Amino acid sequence: MYSKLFAFVLLTAASLVTATMAGTSGLQDPTRPQMLRPVVATPEQLMQSVEEKRRDYRIDMIVVGSSPWVVIDGERYREGDPFGDGIIQRITRTQITIRTPEGETWNIDVQPS
């Protein structure tokens, strides 16, 4: 009786090892890094992204002083607030400077009304 049980256990273990080595188990190693595909953008897509960042914004109000803030397209922002893909770095009477995560800076020029 023990010999039949031993043979069954041995056969089951051998089947599991074979299935695992063949890659048919369906399980993935959670410590193995995922393969990522690079994101490829065409020059036209990159230029469209830059143009979207530099579109015309409506500056409704600027308050300068010790804690400057601005209203752009009806939303209020302070220095350090997120804006689009970047952060508002500086607010002056003549422009708002935005810094992107990539380190690029761009300005929204304020036109006197």
PDB file of N, CA and C in Angstrom:
ATOM      1  N   MET A   1       0.816  -1.192   0.000  1.00  0.00           N
ATOM      2  CA  MET A   1       0.000   0.000   0.000  1.00  0.00           C
ATOM      3  C   MET A   1       0.864   1.262   0.000  1.00  0.00           C
ATOM      4  N   TYR A   2       1.942   1.255   0.793  1.00  0.00           N
ATOM      5  CA  TYR A   2       2.815   2.427   0.810  1.00  0.00           C
ATOM      6  C   TYR A   2       3.552   2.594  -0.510  1.00  0.00           C
ATOM      7  N   SER A   3       3.812   1.512  -1.173  1.00  0.00           N
ATOM      8  CA  SER A   3       4.524   1.609  -2.444  1.00  0.00           C
ATOM      9  C   SER A   3       3.653   2.271  -3.502  1.00  0.00           C
ATOM     10  N   LYS A   4       2.334   2.008  -3.516  1.00  0.00           N
ATOM     11  CA  LYS A   4       1.433   2.672  -4.463  1.00  0.00           C
ATOM     12  C   LYS A   4       1.319   4.158  -4.145  1.00  0.00           C
ATOM     13  N   LEU A   5       1.243   4.514  -2.848  1.00  0.00           N
ATOM     14  CA  LEU A   5       1.176   5.915  -2.443  1.00  0.00           C
ATOM     15  C   LEU A   5       2.464   6.636  -2.812  1.00  0.00           C
ATOM     16  N   PHE A   6       3.601   5.987  -2.566  1.00  0.00           N
ATOM     17  CA  PHE A   6       4.890   6.576  -2.908  1.00  0.00           C
ATOM     18  C   PHE A   6       5.002   6.788  -4.414  1.00  0.00           C
ATOM     19  N   ALA A   7       4.565   5.833  -5.196  1.00  0.00           N
ATOM     20  CA  ALA A   7       4.616   5.940  -6.653  1.00  0.00           C
ATOM     21  C   ALA A   7       3.712   7.071  -7.138  1.00  0.00           C
ATOM     22  N   PHE A   8       2.538   7.226  -6.522  1.00  0.00           N
ATOM     23  CA  PHE A   8       1.625   8.312  -6.898  1.00  0.00           C
ATOM     24  C   PHE A   8       2.242   9.679  -6.603  1.00  0.00           C
ATOM     25  N   VAL A   9       2.810   9.824  -5.412  1.00  0.00           N
ATOM     26  CA  VAL A   9       3.435  11.097  -5.024  1.00  0.00           C
ATOM     27  C   VAL A   9       4.610  11.394  -5.941  1.00  0.00           C
ATOM     28  N   LEU A  10       5.427  10.390  -6.239  1.00  0.00           N
ATOM     29  CA  LEU A  10       6.579  10.584  -7.104  1.00  0.00           C
ATOM     30  C   LEU A  10       6.144  10.973  -8.518  1.00  0.00           C
ATOM     31  N   LEU A  11       5.119  10.341  -9.040  1.00  0.00           N
ATOM     32  CA  LEU A  11       4.607  10.656 -10.366  1.00  0.00           C
ATOM     33  C   LEU A  11       4.025  12.065 -10.417  1.00  0.00           C
ATOM     34  N   THR A  12       3.284  12.458  -9.375  1.00  0.00           N
ATOM     35  CA  THR A  12       2.705  13.805  -9.306  1.00  0.00           C
ATOM     36  C   THR A  12       3.803  14.864  -9.246  1.00  0.00           C
ATOM     37  N   ALA A  13       4.831  14.635  -8.421  1.00  0.00           N
ATOM     38  CA  ALA A  13       5.939  15.585  -8.308  1.00  0.00           C
ATOM     39  C   ALA A  13       6.677  15.701  -9.629  1.00  0.00           C
ATOM     40  N   ALA A  14       6.898  14.594 -10.306  1.00  0.00           N
ATOM     41  CA  ALA A  14       7.589  14.618 -11.593  1.00  0.00           C
ATOM     42  C   ALA A  14       6.772  15.383 -12.636  1.00  0.00           C
ATOM     43  N   SER A  15       5.463  15.230 -12.596  1.00  0.00           N
ATOM     44  CA  SER A  15       4.596  15.957 -13.539  1.00  0.00           C
ATOM     45  C   SER A  15       4.660  17.454 -13.288  1.00  0.00           C
ATOM     46  N   LEU A  16       4.653  17.856 -12.022  1.00  0.00           N
ATOM     47  CA  LEU A  16       4.734  19.282 -11.694  1.00  0.00           C
ATOM     48  C   LEU A  16       6.062  19.881 -12.131  1.00  0.00           C
ATOM     49  N   VAL A  17       7.140  19.159 -11.902  1.00  0.00           N
ATOM     50  CA  VAL A  17       8.451  19.662 -12.297  1.00  0.00           C
ATOM     51  C   VAL A  17       8.526  19.790 -13.811  1.00  0.00           C
ATOM     52  N   THR A  18       8.025  18.817 -14.526  1.00  0.00           N
ATOM     53  CA  THR A  18       8.039  18.862 -15.984  1.00  0.00           C
ATOM     54  C   THR A  18       7.196  20.023 -16.508  1.00  0.00           C
ATOM     55  N   ALA A  19       6.020  20.214 -15.940  1.00  0.00           N
ATOM     56  CA  ALA A  19       5.145  21.303 -16.383  1.00  0.00           C
ATOM     57  C   ALA A  19       5.768  22.662 -16.098  1.00  0.00           C
ATOM     58  N   THR A  20       6.418  22.802 -14.948  1.00  0.00           N
ATOM     59  CA  THR A  20       7.055  24.069 -14.586  1.00  0.00           C
ATOM     60  C   THR A  20       8.222  24.361 -15.518  1.00  0.00           C
ATOM     61  N   MET A  21       9.024  23.356 -15.795  1.00  0.00           N
ATOM     62  CA  MET A  21      10.175  23.562 -16.666  1.00  0.00           C
ATOM     63  C   MET A  21       9.746  23.855 -18.093  1.00  0.00           C
ATOM     64  N   ALA A  22       8.626  23.316 -18.506  1.00  0.00           N
ATOM     65  CA  ALA A  22       8.143  23.557 -19.863  1.00  0.00           C
ATOM     66  C   ALA A  22       7.454  24.911 -19.992  1.00  0.00           C
ATOM     67  N   GLY A  23       7.176  25.572 -18.868  1.00  0.00           N
ATOM     68  CA  GLY A  23       6.541  26.883 -18.909  1.00  0.00           C
ATOM     69  C   GLY A  23       5.051  26.820 -19.126  1.00  0.00           C
ATOM     70  N   THR A  24       4.429  25.675 -18.892  1.00  0.00           N
ATOM     71  CA  THR A  24       2.995  25.539 -19.126  1.00  0.00           C
ATOM     72  C   THR A  24       2.195  25.698 -17.850  1.00  0.00           C
ATOM     73  N   SER A  25       2.835  26.090 -16.775  1.00  0.00           N
ATOM     74  CA  SER A  25       2.112  26.197 -15.509  1.00  0.00           C
ATOM     75  C   SER A  25       1.198  27.410 -15.473  1.00  0.00           C
ATOM     76  N   GLY A  26       1.481  28.429 -16.308  1.00  0.00           N
ATOM     77  CA  GLY A  26       0.649  29.624 -16.324  1.00  0.00           C
ATOM     78  C   GLY A  26       1.005  30.622 -15.240  1.00  0.00           C
ATOM     79  N   LEU A  27       1.933  30.290 -14.372  1.00  0.00           N
ATOM     80  CA  LEU A  27       2.337  31.202 -13.300  1.00  0.00           C
ATOM     81  C   LEU A  27       3.575  31.971 -13.733  1.00  0.00           C
ATOM     82  N   GLN A  28       3.654  33.222 -13.277  1.00  0.00           N
ATOM     83  CA  GLN A  28       4.818  34.043 -13.581  1.00  0.00           C
ATOM     84  C   GLN A  28       5.554  34.348 -12.296  1.00  0.00           C
ATOM     85  N   ASP A  29       6.852  34.466 -12.407  1.00  0.00           N
ATOM     86  CA  ASP A  29       7.689  34.807 -11.270  1.00  0.00           C
ATOM     87  C   ASP A  29       7.429  36.272 -10.914  1.00  0.00           C
ATOM     88  N   PRO A  30       6.901  36.557  -9.699  1.00  0.00           N
ATOM     89  CA  PRO A  30       6.596  37.958  -9.355  1.00  0.00           C
ATOM     90  C   PRO A  30       7.832  38.822  -9.179  1.00  0.00           C
ATOM     91  N   THR A  31       9.011  38.208  -9.046  1.00  0.00           N
ATOM     92  CA  THR A  31      10.230  38.993  -8.889  1.00  0.00           C
ATOM     93  C   THR A  31      10.900  39.304 -10.217  1.00  0.00           C
ATOM     94  N   ARG A  32      10.386  38.717 -11.294  1.00  0.00           N
ATOM     95  CA  ARG A  32      10.957  38.955 -12.612  1.00  0.00           C
ATOM     96  C   ARG A  32      10.435  40.278 -13.169  1.00  0.00           C
ATOM     97  N   PRO A  33      11.324  41.166 -13.624  1.00  0.00           N
ATOM     98  CA  PRO A  33      10.858  42.465 -14.136  1.00  0.00           C
ATOM     99  C   PRO A  33       9.987  42.299 -15.375  1.00  0.00           C
ATOM    100  N   GLN A  34       9.007  43.172 -15.487  1.00  0.00           N
ATOM    101  CA  GLN A  34       8.122  43.168 -16.640  1.00  0.00           C
ATOM    102  C   GLN A  34       8.860  43.773 -17.830  1.00  0.00           C
ATOM    103  N   MET A  35       8.619  43.252 -18.984  1.00  0.00           N
ATOM    104  CA  MET A  35       9.204  43.804 -20.199  1.00  0.00           C
ATOM    105  C   MET A  35       8.322  44.962 -20.661  1.00  0.00           C
ATOM    106  N   LEU A  36       8.910  46.134 -20.764  1.00  0.00           N
ATOM    107  CA  LEU A  36       8.171  47.317 -21.185  1.00  0.00           C
ATOM    108  C   LEU A  36       8.570  47.685 -22.603  1.00  0.00           C
ATOM    109  N   ARG A  37       7.601  48.125 -23.357  1.00  0.00           N
ATOM    110  CA  ARG A  37       7.866  48.586 -24.709  1.00  0.00           C
ATOM    111  C   ARG A  37       8.122  50.083 -24.677  1.00  0.00           C
ATOM    112  N   PRO A  38       9.126  50.550 -25.422  1.00  0.00           N
ATOM    113  CA  PRO A  38       9.371  52.001 -25.437  1.00  0.00           C
ATOM    114  C   PRO A  38       8.227  52.729 -26.135  1.00  0.00           C
ATOM    115  N   VAL A  39       7.953  53.924 -25.661  1.00  0.00           N
ATOM    116  CA  VAL A  39       6.935  54.759 -26.290  1.00  0.00           C
ATOM    117  C   VAL A  39       7.618  55.549 -27.395  1.00  0.00           C
ATOM    118  N   VAL A  40       7.092  55.404 -28.575  1.00  0.00           N
ATOM    119  CA  VAL A  40       7.676  56.075 -29.731  1.00  0.00           C
ATOM    120  C   VAL A  40       6.680  57.131 -30.206  1.00  0.00           C
ATOM    121  N   ALA A  41       7.183  58.354 -30.338  1.00  0.00           N
ATOM    122  CA  ALA A  41       6.345  59.448 -30.821  1.00  0.00           C
ATOM    123  C   ALA A  41       6.954  59.997 -32.100  1.00  0.00           C
ATOM    124  N   THR A  42       6.105  60.347 -33.019  1.00  0.00           N
ATOM    125  CA  THR A  42       6.574  60.956 -34.263  1.00  0.00           C
ATOM    126  C   THR A  42       6.913  62.419 -34.004  1.00  0.00           C
ATOM    127  N   PRO A  43       7.735  63.015 -34.852  1.00  0.00           N
ATOM    128  CA  PRO A  43       8.038  64.443 -34.688  1.00  0.00           C
ATOM    129  C   PRO A  43       6.775  65.310 -34.691  1.00  0.00           C
ATOM    130  N   GLU A  44       5.775  64.904 -35.467  1.00  0.00           N
ATOM    131  CA  GLU A  44       4.528  65.673 -35.510  1.00  0.00           C
ATOM    132  C   GLU A  44       3.809  65.624 -34.164  1.00  0.00           C
ATOM    133  N   GLN A  45       3.818  64.447 -33.523  1.00  0.00           N
ATOM    134  CA  GLN A  45       3.181  64.317 -32.209  1.00  0.00           C
ATOM    135  C   GLN A  45       3.925  65.153 -31.168  1.00  0.00           C
ATOM    136  N   LEU A  46       5.255  65.165 -31.244  1.00  0.00           N
ATOM    137  CA  LEU A  46       6.033  65.969 -30.298  1.00  0.00           C
ATOM    138  C   LEU A  46       5.751  67.454 -30.485  1.00  0.00           C
ATOM    139  N   MET A  47       5.686  67.913 -31.731  1.00  0.00           N
ATOM    140  CA  MET A  47       5.402  69.329 -31.986  1.00  0.00           C
ATOM    141  C   MET A  47       3.994  69.685 -31.544  1.00  0.00           C
ATOM    142  N   GLN A  48       3.036  68.773 -31.721  1.00  0.00           N
ATOM    143  CA  GLN A  48       1.671  69.028 -31.273  1.00  0.00           C
ATOM    144  C   GLN A  48       1.642  69.186 -29.761  1.00  0.00           C
ATOM    145  N   SER A  49       2.429  68.371 -29.042  1.00  0.00           N
ATOM    146  CA  SER A  49       2.492  68.471 -27.588  1.00  0.00           C
ATOM    147  C   SER A  49       3.035  69.834 -27.163  1.00  0.00           C
ATOM    148  N   VAL A  50       4.089  70.296 -27.845  1.00  0.00           N
ATOM    149  CA  VAL A  50       4.666  71.608 -27.522  1.00  0.00           C
ATOM    150  C   VAL A  50       3.663  72.711 -27.831  1.00  0.00           C
ATOM    151  N   GLU A  51       2.970  72.607 -28.959  1.00  0.00           N
ATOM    152  CA  GLU A  51       1.998  73.627 -29.329  1.00  0.00           C
ATOM    153  C   GLU A  51       0.835  73.672 -28.345  1.00  0.00           C
ATOM    154  N   GLU A  52       0.414  72.507 -27.834  1.00  0.00           N
ATOM    155  CA  GLU A  52      -0.668  72.491 -26.849  1.00  0.00           C
ATOM    156  C   GLU A  52      -0.239  73.194 -25.570  1.00  0.00           C
ATOM    157  N   LYS A  53       1.020  73.027 -25.164  1.00  0.00           N
ATOM    158  CA  LYS A  53       1.521  73.695 -23.968  1.00  0.00           C
ATOM    159  C   LYS A  53       1.526  75.210 -24.143  1.00  0.00           C
ATOM    160  N   ARG A  54       1.801  75.639 -25.370  1.00  0.00           N
ATOM    161  CA  ARG A  54       1.979  77.065 -25.614  1.00  0.00           C
ATOM    162  C   ARG A  54       0.760  77.710 -26.246  1.00  0.00           C
ATOM    163  N   ARG A  55      -0.385  77.137 -26.017  1.00  0.00           N
ATOM    164  CA  ARG A  55      -1.595  77.729 -26.582  1.00  0.00           C
ATOM    165  C   ARG A  55      -1.873  79.070 -25.901  1.00  0.00           C
ATOM    166  N   ASP A  56      -2.831  79.813 -26.405  1.00  0.00           N
ATOM    167  CA  ASP A  56      -3.186  81.091 -25.801  1.00  0.00           C
ATOM    168  C   ASP A  56      -4.041  80.842 -24.562  1.00  0.00           C
ATOM    169  N   TYR A  57      -3.594  81.368 -23.452  1.00  0.00           N
ATOM    170  CA  TYR A  57      -4.345  81.272 -22.201  1.00  0.00           C
ATOM    171  C   TYR A  57      -4.966  82.623 -21.906  1.00  0.00           C
ATOM    172  N   ARG A  58      -6.095  82.607 -21.243  1.00  0.00           N
ATOM    173  CA  ARG A  58      -6.750  83.844 -20.853  1.00  0.00           C
ATOM    174  C   ARG A  58      -6.327  84.159 -19.423  1.00  0.00           C
ATOM    175  N   ILE A  59      -5.567  85.237 -19.262  1.00  0.00           N
ATOM    176  CA  ILE A  59      -5.143  85.683 -17.935  1.00  0.00           C
ATOM    177  C   ILE A  59      -6.201  86.650 -17.438  1.00  0.00           C
ATOM    178  N   ASP A  60      -6.964  86.216 -16.422  1.00  0.00           N
ATOM    179  CA  ASP A  60      -8.046  87.049 -15.907  1.00  0.00           C
ATOM    180  C   ASP A  60      -7.560  88.056 -14.872  1.00  0.00           C
ATOM    181  N   MET A  61      -6.561  87.654 -14.062  1.00  0.00           N
ATOM    182  CA  MET A  61      -6.112  88.542 -12.993  1.00  0.00           C
ATOM    183  C   MET A  61      -4.747  88.086 -12.499  1.00  0.00           C
ATOM    184  N   ILE A  62      -3.894  89.056 -12.154  1.00  0.00           N
ATOM    185  CA  ILE A  62      -2.611  88.768 -11.520  1.00  0.00           C
ATOM    186  C   ILE A  62      -2.507  89.627 -10.275  1.00  0.00           C
ATOM    187  N   VAL A  63      -2.126  89.006  -9.178  1.00  0.00           N
ATOM    188  CA  VAL A  63      -1.855  89.723  -7.933  1.00  0.00           C
ATOM    189  C   VAL A  63      -0.408  89.416  -7.571  1.00  0.00           C
ATOM    190  N   VAL A  64       0.422  90.461  -7.524  1.00  0.00           N
ATOM    191  CA  VAL A  64       1.827  90.273  -7.179  1.00  0.00           C
ATOM    192  C   VAL A  64       2.075  90.836  -5.791  1.00  0.00           C
ATOM    193  N   GLY A  65       3.178  90.454  -5.208  1.00  0.00           N
ATOM    194  CA  GLY A  65       3.520  90.878  -3.864  1.00  0.00           C
ATOM    195  C   GLY A  65       4.225  89.742  -3.155  1.00  0.00           C
ATOM    196  N   SER A  66       4.028  89.633  -1.843  1.00  0.00           N
ATOM    197  CA  SER A  66       4.726  88.598  -1.088  1.00  0.00           C
ATOM    198  C   SER A  66       4.213  87.194  -1.404  1.00  0.00           C
ATOM    199  N   SER A  67       2.971  87.074  -1.824  1.00  0.00           N
ATOM    200  CA  SER A  67       2.396  85.775  -2.182  1.00  0.00           C
ATOM    201  C   SER A  67       1.583  85.925  -3.477  1.00  0.00           C
ATOM    202  N   PRO A  68       2.270  85.979  -4.629  1.00  0.00           N
ATOM    203  CA  PRO A  68       1.558  86.241  -5.885  1.00  0.00           C
ATOM    204  C   PRO A  68       0.659  85.083  -6.296  1.00  0.00           C
ATOM    205  N   TRP A  69      -0.407  85.439  -6.994  1.00  0.00           N
ATOM    206  CA  TRP A  69      -1.299  84.434  -7.567  1.00  0.00           C
ATOM    207  C   TRP A  69      -1.886  84.974  -8.849  1.00  0.00           C
ATOM    208  N   VAL A  70      -2.444  84.071  -9.643  1.00  0.00           N
ATOM    209  CA  VAL A  70      -2.957  84.427 -10.957  1.00  0.00           C
ATOM    210  C   VAL A  70      -4.219  83.616 -11.220  1.00  0.00           C
ATOM    211  N   VAL A  71      -5.118  84.191 -12.008  1.00  0.00           N
ATOM    212  CA  VAL A  71      -6.296  83.469 -12.471  1.00  0.00           C
ATOM    213  C   VAL A  71      -6.114  83.247 -13.972  1.00  0.00           C
ATOM    214  N   ILE A  72      -5.982  81.963 -14.350  1.00  0.00           N
ATOM    215  CA  ILE A  72      -5.789  81.587 -15.751  1.00  0.00           C
ATOM    216  C   ILE A  72      -6.996  80.772 -16.181  1.00  0.00           C
ATOM    217  N   ASP A  73      -7.663  81.219 -17.228  1.00  0.00           N
ATOM    218  CA  ASP A  73      -8.852  80.533 -17.739  1.00  0.00           C
ATOM    219  C   ASP A  73      -9.859  80.227 -16.624  1.00  0.00           C
ATOM    220  N   GLY A  74     -10.010  81.177 -15.692  1.00  0.00           N
ATOM    221  CA  GLY A  74     -11.004  81.035 -14.627  1.00  0.00           C
ATOM    222  C   GLY A  74     -10.559  80.244 -13.416  1.00  0.00           C
ATOM    223  N   GLU A  75      -9.312  79.714 -13.414  1.00  0.00           N
ATOM    224  CA  GLU A  75      -8.799  78.940 -12.282  1.00  0.00           C
ATOM    225  C   GLU A  75      -7.684  79.715 -11.586  1.00  0.00           C
ATOM    226  N   ARG A  76      -7.694  79.685 -10.240  1.00  0.00           N
ATOM    227  CA  ARG A  76      -6.691  80.424  -9.464  1.00  0.00           C
ATOM    228  C   ARG A  76      -5.475  79.544  -9.184  1.00  0.00           C
ATOM    229  N   TYR A  77      -4.274  80.117  -9.389  1.00  0.00           N
ATOM    230  CA  TYR A  77      -3.014  79.405  -9.184  1.00  0.00           C
ATOM    231  C   TYR A  77      -2.042  80.266  -8.400  1.00  0.00           C
ATOM    232  N   ARG A  78      -1.218  79.606  -7.594  1.00  0.00           N
ATOM    233  CA  ARG A  78      -0.110  80.247  -6.883  1.00  0.00           C
ATOM    234  C   ARG A  78       1.202  79.652  -7.390  1.00  0.00           C
ATOM    235  N   GLU A  79       2.315  80.294  -7.066  1.00  0.00           N
ATOM    236  CA  GLU A  79       3.617  79.720  -7.399  1.00  0.00           C
ATOM    237  C   GLU A  79       3.735  78.369  -6.695  1.00  0.00           C
ATOM    238  N   GLY A  80       4.184  77.357  -7.452  1.00  0.00           N
ATOM    239  CA  GLY A  80       4.311  76.009  -6.912  1.00  0.00           C
ATOM    240  C   GLY A  80       3.124  75.112  -7.220  1.00  0.00           C
ATOM    241  N   ASP A  81       2.027  75.692  -7.698  1.00  0.00           N
ATOM    242  CA  ASP A  81       0.845  74.888  -8.053  1.00  0.00           C
ATOM    243  C   ASP A  81       1.068  74.166  -9.375  1.00  0.00           C
ATOM    244  N   PRO A  82       0.513  72.950  -9.507  1.00  0.00           N
ATOM    245  CA  PRO A  82       0.589  72.260 -10.797  1.00  0.00           C
ATOM    246  C   PRO A  82      -0.246  72.988 -11.844  1.00  0.00           C
ATOM    247  N   PHE A  83       0.279  73.014 -13.069  1.00  0.00           N
ATOM    248  CA  PHE A  83      -0.418  73.654 -14.178  1.00  0.00           C
ATOM    249  C   PHE A  83      -0.068  72.890 -15.444  1.00  0.00           C
ATOM    250  N   GLY A  84      -1.057  72.263 -16.065  1.00  0.00           N
ATOM    251  CA  GLY A  84      -0.793  71.460 -17.259  1.00  0.00           C
ATOM    252  C   GLY A  84       0.150  70.321 -16.914  1.00  0.00           C
ATOM    253  N   ASP A  85       1.234  70.201 -17.696  1.00  0.00           N
ATOM    254  CA  ASP A  85       2.241  69.180 -17.442  1.00  0.00           C
ATOM    255  C   ASP A  85       3.357  69.669 -16.537  1.00  0.00           C
ATOM    256  N   GLY A  86       3.227  70.848 -15.991  1.00  0.00           N
ATOM    257  CA  GLY A  86       4.314  71.405 -15.191  1.00  0.00           C
ATOM    258  C   GLY A  86       3.834  72.036 -13.901  1.00  0.00           C
ATOM    259  N   ILE A  87       4.673  72.926 -13.379  1.00  0.00           N
ATOM    260  CA  ILE A  87       4.398  73.634 -12.123  1.00  0.00           C
ATOM    261  C   ILE A  87       4.645  75.109 -12.365  1.00  0.00           C
ATOM    262  N   ILE A  88       3.782  75.948 -11.813  1.00  0.00           N
ATOM    263  CA  ILE A  88       3.992  77.391 -11.926  1.00  0.00           C
ATOM    264  C   ILE A  88       5.190  77.756 -11.058  1.00  0.00           C
ATOM    265  N   GLN A  89       6.247  78.210 -11.740  1.00  0.00           N
ATOM    266  CA  GLN A  89       7.495  78.512 -11.041  1.00  0.00           C
ATOM    267  C   GLN A  89       7.539  79.958 -10.551  1.00  0.00           C
ATOM    268  N   ARG A  90       7.051  80.901 -11.388  1.00  0.00           N
ATOM    269  CA  ARG A  90       7.149  82.317 -11.016  1.00  0.00           C
ATOM    270  C   ARG A  90       6.010  83.097 -11.640  1.00  0.00           C
ATOM    271  N   ILE A  91       5.491  84.044 -10.881  1.00  0.00           N
ATOM    272  CA  ILE A  91       4.434  84.940 -11.366  1.00  0.00           C
ATOM    273  C   ILE A  91       4.937  86.369 -11.223  1.00  0.00           C
ATOM    274  N   THR A  92       4.970  87.095 -12.357  1.00  0.00           N
ATOM    275  CA  THR A  92       5.326  88.515 -12.328  1.00  0.00           C
ATOM    276  C   THR A  92       4.218  89.288 -13.023  1.00  0.00           C
ATOM    277  N   ARG A  93       4.379  90.602 -13.096  1.00  0.00           N
ATOM    278  CA  ARG A  93       3.363  91.439 -13.757  1.00  0.00           C
ATOM    279  C   ARG A  93       3.284  91.173 -15.256  1.00  0.00           C
ATOM    280  N   THR A  94       4.384  90.688 -15.850  1.00  0.00           N
ATOM    281  CA  THR A  94       4.432  90.556 -17.304  1.00  0.00           C
ATOM    282  C   THR A  94       4.388  89.118 -17.814  1.00  0.00           C
ATOM    283  N   GLN A  95       4.634  88.128 -16.941  1.00  0.00           N
ATOM    284  CA  GLN A  95       4.598  86.747 -17.419  1.00  0.00           C
ATOM    285  C   GLN A  95       4.481  85.747 -16.279  1.00  0.00           C
ATOM    286  N   ILE A  96       4.042  84.550 -16.668  1.00  0.00           N
ATOM    287  CA  ILE A  96       3.960  83.412 -15.750  1.00  0.00           C
ATOM    288  C   ILE A  96       4.923  82.371 -16.300  1.00  0.00           C
ATOM    289  N   THR A  97       5.851  81.886 -15.470  1.00  0.00           N
ATOM    290  CA  THR A  97       6.839  80.905 -15.892  1.00  0.00           C
ATOM    291  C   THR A  97       6.415  79.526 -15.407  1.00  0.00           C
ATOM    292  N   ILE A  98       6.385  78.563 -16.335  1.00  0.00           N
ATOM    293  CA  ILE A  98       6.006  77.184 -16.047  1.00  0.00           C
ATOM    294  C   ILE A  98       7.248  76.312 -16.217  1.00  0.00           C
ATOM    295  N   ARG A  99       7.470  75.379 -15.286  1.00  0.00           N
ATOM    296  CA  ARG A  99       8.585  74.430 -15.385  1.00  0.00           C
ATOM    297  C   ARG A  99       8.015  73.023 -15.493  1.00  0.00           C
ATOM    298  N   THR A 100       8.446  72.284 -16.512  1.00  0.00           N
ATOM    299  CA  THR A 100       7.974  70.916 -16.730  1.00  0.00           C
ATOM    300  C   THR A 100       8.847  69.939 -15.941  1.00  0.00           C
ATOM    301  N   PRO A 101       8.382  68.698 -15.743  1.00  0.00           N
ATOM    302  CA  PRO A 101       9.197  67.703 -15.047  1.00  0.00           C
ATOM    303  C   PRO A 101      10.519  67.416 -15.762  1.00  0.00           C
ATOM    304  N   GLU A 102      10.573  67.653 -17.072  1.00  0.00           N
ATOM    305  CA  GLU A 102      11.803  67.427 -17.827  1.00  0.00           C
ATOM    306  C   GLU A 102      12.803  68.562 -17.652  1.00  0.00           C
ATOM    307  N   GLY A 103      12.409  69.639 -16.957  1.00  0.00           N
ATOM    308  CA  GLY A 103      13.295  70.772 -16.728  1.00  0.00           C
ATOM    309  C   GLY A 103      13.113  71.913 -17.718  1.00  0.00           C
ATOM    310  N   GLU A 104      12.227  71.744 -18.677  1.00  0.00           N
ATOM    311  CA  GLU A 104      11.961  72.802 -19.653  1.00  0.00           C
ATOM    312  C   GLU A 104      11.145  73.905 -18.987  1.00  0.00           C
ATOM    313  N   THR A 105      11.448  75.145 -19.289  1.00  0.00           N
ATOM    314  CA  THR A 105      10.636  76.260 -18.798  1.00  0.00           C
ATOM    315  C   THR A 105      10.027  76.968 -20.005  1.00  0.00           C
ATOM    316  N   TRP A 106       8.815  77.431 -19.830  1.00  0.00           N
ATOM    317  CA  TRP A 106       8.148  78.224 -20.853  1.00  0.00           C
ATOM    318  C   TRP A 106       7.303  79.270 -20.166  1.00  0.00           C
ATOM    319  N   ASN A 107       7.006  80.326 -20.891  1.00  0.00           N
ATOM    320  CA  ASN A 107       6.340  81.489 -20.316  1.00  0.00           C
ATOM    321  C   ASN A 107       4.985  81.744 -20.972  1.00  0.00           C
ATOM    322  N   ILE A 108       4.081  82.231 -20.158  1.00  0.00           N
ATOM    323  CA  ILE A 108       2.836  82.777 -20.654  1.00  0.00           C
ATOM    324  C   ILE A 108       2.974  84.287 -20.494  1.00  0.00           C
ATOM    325  N   ASP A 109       3.058  84.986 -21.613  1.00  0.00           N
ATOM    326  CA  ASP A 109       3.206  86.436 -21.550  1.00  0.00           C
ATOM    327  C   ASP A 109       1.865  87.084 -21.258  1.00  0.00           C
ATOM    328  N   VAL A 110       1.905  88.096 -20.411  1.00  0.00           N
ATOM    329  CA  VAL A 110       0.692  88.812 -20.011  1.00  0.00           C
ATOM    330  C   VAL A 110       0.590  90.064 -20.879  1.00  0.00           C
ATOM    331  N   GLN A 111      -0.531  90.179 -21.573  1.00  0.00           N
ATOM    332  CA  GLN A 111      -0.780  91.346 -22.397  1.00  0.00           C
ATOM    333  C   GLN A 111      -1.642  92.324 -21.604  1.00  0.00           C
ATOM    334  N   PRO A 112      -1.225  93.574 -21.507  1.00  0.00           N
ATOM    335  CA  PRO A 112      -2.056  94.535 -20.778  1.00  0.00           C
ATOM    336  C   PRO A 112      -3.405  94.725 -21.481  1.00  0.00           C
ATOM    337  N   SER A 113      -4.437  94.880 -20.673  1.00  0.00           N
ATOM    338  CA  SER A 113      -5.765  95.044 -21.280  1.00  0.00           C
ATOM    339  C   SER A 113      -6.194  96.484 -21.304  1.00  0.00           C
TER     340      SER A 113
END
